[in-house]
C-alpha atoms as a PDB file:
ATOM      1  CA  MET A   1      26.604-105.145  51.965  1.00  0.00           C
ATOM      2  CA  SER A   2      28.325-102.314  50.517  1.00  0.00           C
ATOM      3  CA  SER A   3      31.377-100.638  51.621  1.00  0.00           C
ATOM      4  CA  SER A   4      31.718 -96.960  51.743  1.00  0.00           C
ATOM      5  CA  TRP A   5      33.820 -94.434  53.360  1.00  0.00           C
ATOM      6  CA  PRO A   6      33.027 -92.925  55.622  1.00  0.00           C
ATOM      7  CA  PRO A   7      31.028 -95.366  57.436  1.00  0.00           C
ATOM      8  CA  THR A   8      27.388 -93.784  58.090  1.00  0.00           C
ATOM      9  CA  TRP A   9      27.967 -94.520  61.866  1.00  0.00           C
ATOM     10  CA  LEU A  10      30.838 -91.982  62.066  1.00  0.00           C
ATOM     11  CA  PRO A  11      29.811 -88.577  63.266  1.00  0.00           C
ATOM     12  CA  GLN A  12      29.275 -86.061  60.313  1.00  0.00           C
ATOM     13  CA  PRO A  13      30.037 -82.469  59.804  1.00  0.00           C
ATOM     14  CA  CYS A  14      26.885 -80.584  59.957  1.00  0.00           C
ATOM     15  CA  ARG A  15      25.706 -80.215  56.136  1.00  0.00           C
ATOM     16  CA  SER A  16      22.009 -79.686  55.151  1.00  0.00           C
ATOM     17  CA  GLY A  17      20.567 -82.917  54.230  1.00  0.00           C
ATOM     18  CA  SER A  18      23.525 -84.890  55.723  1.00  0.00           C
ATOM     19  CA  ARG A  19      22.867 -87.698  58.156  1.00  0.00           C
ATOM     20  CA  GLY A  20      25.413 -89.013  60.628  1.00  0.00           C
ATOM     21  CA  VAL A  21      23.520 -91.902  61.369  1.00  0.00           C
ATOM     22  CA  THR A  22      20.878 -93.735  59.391  1.00  0.00           C
ATOM     23  CA  VAL A  23      18.143 -95.698  61.382  1.00  0.00           C
ATOM     24  CA  SER A  24      15.353 -97.400  59.615  1.00  0.00           C
ATOM     25  CA  ARG A  25      12.000 -96.015  60.347  1.00  0.00           C
ATOM     26  CA  GLN A  26      10.676 -99.456  60.238  1.00  0.00           C
ATOM     27  CA  SER A  27      13.096-100.746  62.897  1.00  0.00           C
ATOM     28  CA  ARG A  28      11.722 -97.874  65.500  1.00  0.00           C
ATOM     29  CA  SER A  29       9.361 -99.049  68.178  1.00  0.00           C
ATOM     30  CA  ALA A  30       5.727 -97.692  68.026  1.00  0.00           C
ATOM     31  CA  ARG A  31       6.763 -95.191  70.870  1.00  0.00           C
ATOM     32  CA  LEU A  32       9.497 -93.695  68.580  1.00  0.00           C
ATOM     33  CA  ALA A  33       6.927 -93.346  65.397  1.00  0.00           C
ATOM     34  CA  SER A  34       4.723 -91.308  67.814  1.00  0.00           C
ATOM     35  CA  VAL A  35       7.474 -88.848  68.966  1.00  0.00           C
ATOM     36  CA  ARG A  36       8.487 -85.773  67.051  1.00  0.00           C
ATOM     37  CA  GLY A  37      12.038 -85.611  65.514  1.00  0.00           C
ATOM     38  CA  GLN A  38      14.609 -83.823  68.113  1.00  0.00           C
ATOM     39  CA  TYR A  39      18.020 -83.652  68.668  1.00  0.00           C
ATOM     40  CA  HIS A  40      20.127 -83.364  72.008  1.00  0.00           C
ATOM     41  CA  PHE A  41      22.504 -80.529  71.822  1.00  0.00           C
ATOM     42  CA  TRP A  42      25.817 -79.609  73.604  1.00  0.00           C
ATOM     43  CA  PRO A  43      28.508 -77.056  72.928  1.00  0.00           C
ATOM     44  CA  GLY A  44      31.115 -78.550  70.574  1.00  0.00           C
ATOM     45  CA  SER A  45      34.208 -76.802  69.291  1.00  0.00           C
ATOM     46  CA  ILE A  46      32.940 -74.096  67.212  1.00  0.00           C
ATOM     47  CA  GLY A  47      29.138 -75.057  66.993  1.00  0.00           C
ATOM     48  CA  LEU A  48      26.913 -77.378  68.649  1.00  0.00           C
ATOM     49  CA  ASP A  49      27.129 -81.495  68.397  1.00  0.00           C
ATOM     50  CA  ALA A  50      23.716 -83.266  68.032  1.00  0.00           C
ATOM     51  CA  TRP A  51      22.650 -86.441  69.065  1.00  0.00           C
ATOM     52  CA  ASP A  52      19.371 -87.759  67.234  1.00  0.00           C
ATOM     53  CA  VAL A  53      17.323 -88.820  70.369  1.00  0.00           C
ATOM     54  CA  ASP A  54      15.649 -91.587  68.565  1.00  0.00           C
ATOM     55  CA  ARG A  55      19.230 -93.166  68.239  1.00  0.00           C
ATOM     56  CA  LEU A  56      19.820 -92.374  72.012  1.00  0.00           C
ATOM     57  CA  VAL A  57      16.578 -94.212  72.871  1.00  0.00           C
ATOM     58  CA  GLU A  58      17.630 -97.144  70.908  1.00  0.00           C
ATOM     59  CA  LEU A  59      21.169 -97.234  72.266  1.00  0.00           C
ATOM     60  CA  SER A  60      19.762 -96.861  75.786  1.00  0.00           C
ATOM     61  CA  GLN A  61      16.918 -99.578  75.722  1.00  0.00           C
ATOM     62  CA  ASP A  62      18.908-102.295  77.418  1.00  0.00           C
ATOM     63  CA  LEU A  63      20.272 -99.953  80.368  1.00  0.00           C
ATOM     64  CA  PRO A  64      18.964-100.759  83.678  1.00  0.00           C
ATOM     65  CA  VAL A  65      16.238 -98.290  84.788  1.00  0.00           C
ATOM     66  CA  VAL A  66      16.848 -96.617  88.292  1.00  0.00           C
ATOM     67  CA  GLU A  67      15.047 -93.883  90.194  1.00  0.00           C
ATOM     68  CA  VAL A  68      16.739 -90.712  90.240  1.00  0.00           C
ATOM     69  CA  PRO A  69      15.971 -87.931  92.490  1.00  0.00           C
ATOM     70  CA  VAL A  70      14.187 -84.898  90.857  1.00  0.00           C
ATOM     71  CA  HIS A  71      16.207 -82.196  92.850  1.00  0.00           C
ATOM     72  CA  SER A  72      19.782 -84.103  91.643  1.00  0.00           C
ATOM     73  CA  ILE A  73      18.942 -83.059  88.012  1.00  0.00           C
ATOM     74  CA  GLY A  74      20.925 -79.831  87.771  1.00  0.00           C
ATOM     75  CA  GLU A  75      19.551 -78.698  84.602  1.00  0.00           C
ATOM     76  CA  VAL A  76      15.955 -78.203  86.098  1.00  0.00           C
ATOM     77  CA  ASP A  77      17.681 -74.748  87.544  1.00  0.00           C
ATOM     78  CA  SER A  78      19.099 -73.713  83.874  1.00  0.00           C
ATOM     79  CA  ASN A  79      17.687 -72.211  80.929  1.00  0.00           C
ATOM     80  CA  TYR A  80      17.467 -75.402  79.178  1.00  0.00           C
ATOM     81  CA  TRP A  81      15.075 -74.789  76.410  1.00  0.00           C
ATOM     82  CA  PHE A  82      15.817 -71.324  75.525  1.00  0.00           C
ATOM     83  CA  GLY A  83      19.730 -70.756  76.340  1.00  0.00           C
ATOM     84  CA  GLY A  84      22.440 -70.876  73.591  1.00  0.00           C
ATOM     85  CA  GLY A  85      20.596 -69.222  71.097  1.00  0.00           C
ATOM     86  CA  PHE A  86      17.621 -71.414  71.010  1.00  0.00           C
ATOM     87  CA  GLY A  87      15.344 -68.221  70.887  1.00  0.00           C
ATOM     88  CA  GLU A  88      13.550 -65.970  73.328  1.00  0.00           C
ATOM     89  CA  PRO A  89      11.006 -67.561  75.735  1.00  0.00           C
ATOM     90  CA  THR A  90       7.826 -65.953  74.158  1.00  0.00           C
ATOM     91  CA  VAL A  91       4.435 -66.812  75.556  1.00  0.00           C
ATOM     92  CA  ARG A  92       3.494 -69.053  72.469  1.00  0.00           C
ATOM     93  CA  LYS A  93       6.946 -71.087  73.060  1.00  0.00           C
ATOM     94  CA  ILE A  94       6.602 -71.560  76.911  1.00  0.00           C
ATOM     95  CA  VAL A  95       2.794 -72.835  75.711  1.00  0.00           C
ATOM     96  CA  GLU A  96       4.090 -75.235  73.282  1.00  0.00           C
ATOM     97  CA  HIS A  97       6.317 -76.466  76.079  1.00  0.00           C
ATOM     98  CA  MET A  98       3.641 -76.720  78.658  1.00  0.00           C
ATOM     99  CA  GLN A  99       1.809 -78.527  76.044  1.00  0.00           C
ATOM    100  CA  LEU A 100       4.482 -81.029  75.692  1.00  0.00           C
ATOM    101  CA  VAL A 101       4.818 -81.661  79.400  1.00  0.00           C
ATOM    102  CA  ARG A 102       1.052 -82.082  79.577  1.00  0.00           C
ATOM    103  CA  ASP A 103       1.362 -84.833  76.898  1.00  0.00           C
ATOM    104  CA  VAL A 104       4.661 -86.807  77.854  1.00  0.00           C
ATOM    105  CA  ASP A 105       4.238 -90.405  78.956  1.00  0.00           C
ATOM    106  CA  PRO A 106       6.064 -90.224  82.177  1.00  0.00           C
ATOM    107  CA  MET A 107       6.553 -94.266  82.046  1.00  0.00           C
ATOM    108  CA  PHE A 108       9.198 -93.764  79.674  1.00  0.00           C
ATOM    109  CA  PRO A 109      12.799 -93.111  81.411  1.00  0.00           C
ATOM    110  CA  ILE A 110      14.673 -90.128  80.978  1.00  0.00           C
ATOM    111  CA  ILE A 111      18.384 -90.469  79.577  1.00  0.00           C
ATOM    112  CA  LEU A 112      21.171 -89.468  81.100  1.00  0.00           C
ATOM    113  CA  GLY A 113      24.756 -89.188  79.837  1.00  0.00           C
ATOM    114  CA  VAL A 114      28.022 -90.122  81.328  1.00  0.00           C
ATOM    115  CA  ASP A 115      28.284 -86.936  83.513  1.00  0.00           C
ATOM    116  CA  GLY A 116      24.662 -87.299  84.466  1.00  0.00           C
ATOM    117  CA  ARG A 117      23.480 -84.407  81.984  1.00  0.00           C
ATOM    118  CA  VAL A 118      20.044 -84.786  80.497  1.00  0.00           C
ATOM    119  CA  MET A 119      20.178 -86.251  76.828  1.00  0.00           C
ATOM    120  CA  ASP A 120      16.470 -86.676  76.591  1.00  0.00           C
ATOM    121  CA  GLY A 121      13.659 -86.116  78.902  1.00  0.00           C
ATOM    122  CA  MET A 122      13.248 -82.747  80.216  1.00  0.00           C
ATOM    123  CA  HIS A 123       9.406 -82.368  79.656  1.00  0.00           C
ATOM    124  CA  ARG A 124       9.066 -85.649  81.650  1.00  0.00           C
ATOM    125  CA  ILE A 125      11.105 -84.157  84.499  1.00  0.00           C
ATOM    126  CA  ALA A 126       9.182 -80.788  84.307  1.00  0.00           C
ATOM    127  CA  ARG A 127       5.909 -83.075  84.872  1.00  0.00           C
ATOM    128  CA  ALA A 128       7.551 -84.673  87.580  1.00  0.00           C
ATOM    129  CA  LEU A 129       8.292 -81.476  89.254  1.00  0.00           C
ATOM    130  CA  LEU A 130       4.435 -80.192  88.662  1.00  0.00           C
ATOM    131  CA  GLU A 131       3.192 -83.560  90.087  1.00  0.00           C
ATOM    132  CA  GLY A 132       5.708 -83.230  93.229  1.00  0.00           C
ATOM    133  CA  ARG A 133       7.175 -86.377  92.727  1.00  0.00           C
ATOM    134  CA  PRO A 134      10.498 -86.783  94.560  1.00  0.00           C
ATOM    135  CA  THR A 135      11.935 -89.318  91.836  1.00  0.00           C
ATOM    136  CA  ILE A 136      11.918 -90.097  87.935  1.00  0.00           C
ATOM    137  CA  ARG A 137      12.824 -93.243  86.310  1.00  0.00           C
ATOM    138  CA  ALA A 138      16.040 -92.848  84.253  1.00  0.00           C
ATOM    139  CA  VAL A 139      18.714 -94.805  82.345  1.00  0.00           C
ATOM    140  CA  ARG A 140      22.555 -93.521  82.266  1.00  0.00           C
ATOM    141  CA  PHE A 141      24.889 -94.516  79.546  1.00  0.00           C
ATOM    142  CA  LYS A 142      28.491 -95.723  80.844  1.00  0.00           C
ATOM    143  CA  THR A 143      30.087 -94.784  77.722  1.00  0.00           C
ATOM    144  CA  GLN A 144      29.223 -91.716  75.941  1.00  0.00           C
ATOM    145  CA  PRO A 145      27.622 -92.065  72.585  1.00  0.00           C
ATOM    146  CA  LYS A 146      29.440 -90.108  69.837  1.00  0.00           C
ATOM    147  CA  PRO A 147      27.366 -87.398  68.246  1.00  0.00           C
ATOM    148  CA  ASP A 148      25.494 -87.419  65.210  1.00  0.00           C
ATOM    149  CA  PHE A 149      26.482 -84.236  63.872  1.00  0.00           C
ATOM    150  CA  ARG A 150      29.560 -82.116  65.214  1.00  0.00           C
ATOM    151  CA  ASP A 151      29.598 -78.371  65.064  1.00  0.00           C
ATOM    152  CA  CYS A 152      25.981 -77.720  63.888  1.00  0.00           C
ATOM    153  CA  ALA A 153      23.319 -75.064  64.157  1.00  0.00           C
ATOM    154  CA  PRO A 154      19.847 -76.341  64.949  1.00  0.00           C
ATOM    155  CA  GLY A 155      18.235 -75.292  61.809  1.00  0.00           C
ATOM    156  CA  ASP A 156      20.790 -77.044  59.846  1.00  0.00           C
ATOM    157  CA  LEU A 157      19.574 -80.512  60.959  1.00  0.00           C
ATOM    158  CA  PRO A 158      16.798 -82.541  59.156  1.00  0.00           C
ATOM    159  CA  TYR A 159      14.022 -83.179  61.011  1.00  0.00           C
END
């Protein structure tokens, strides 16, 4: 194993073509291979911090799965997909989200951060709302994972 500094697992500043965490595509499950690349964003000090959702899924795979009341998820009443500079909710963009809601596999649990915010799974939550389900399967981190990128813009990240 070669040593390099900084280690690849440390969060990296956002630069085009720079990855904070390298995860072998061969090591991912069939589920990850079929899911589009995506990130969870949260406001950072001067931009957005970003977590690679594939890595969140891997980190959360051994957490206990619990049923969470859908009404307890605060983001369902927020501008989750379009707020914070993520574009206007055009008809085309709304239809794209409707297709994602239609196509999700509700058997996979959503991923919640230490503070209870949704780190992955809002389309599954939307489907649960549409279907009138009172609860959704979830896992919750006990320790918040470090972001893969700090102070980024979504367009700067590799997909």
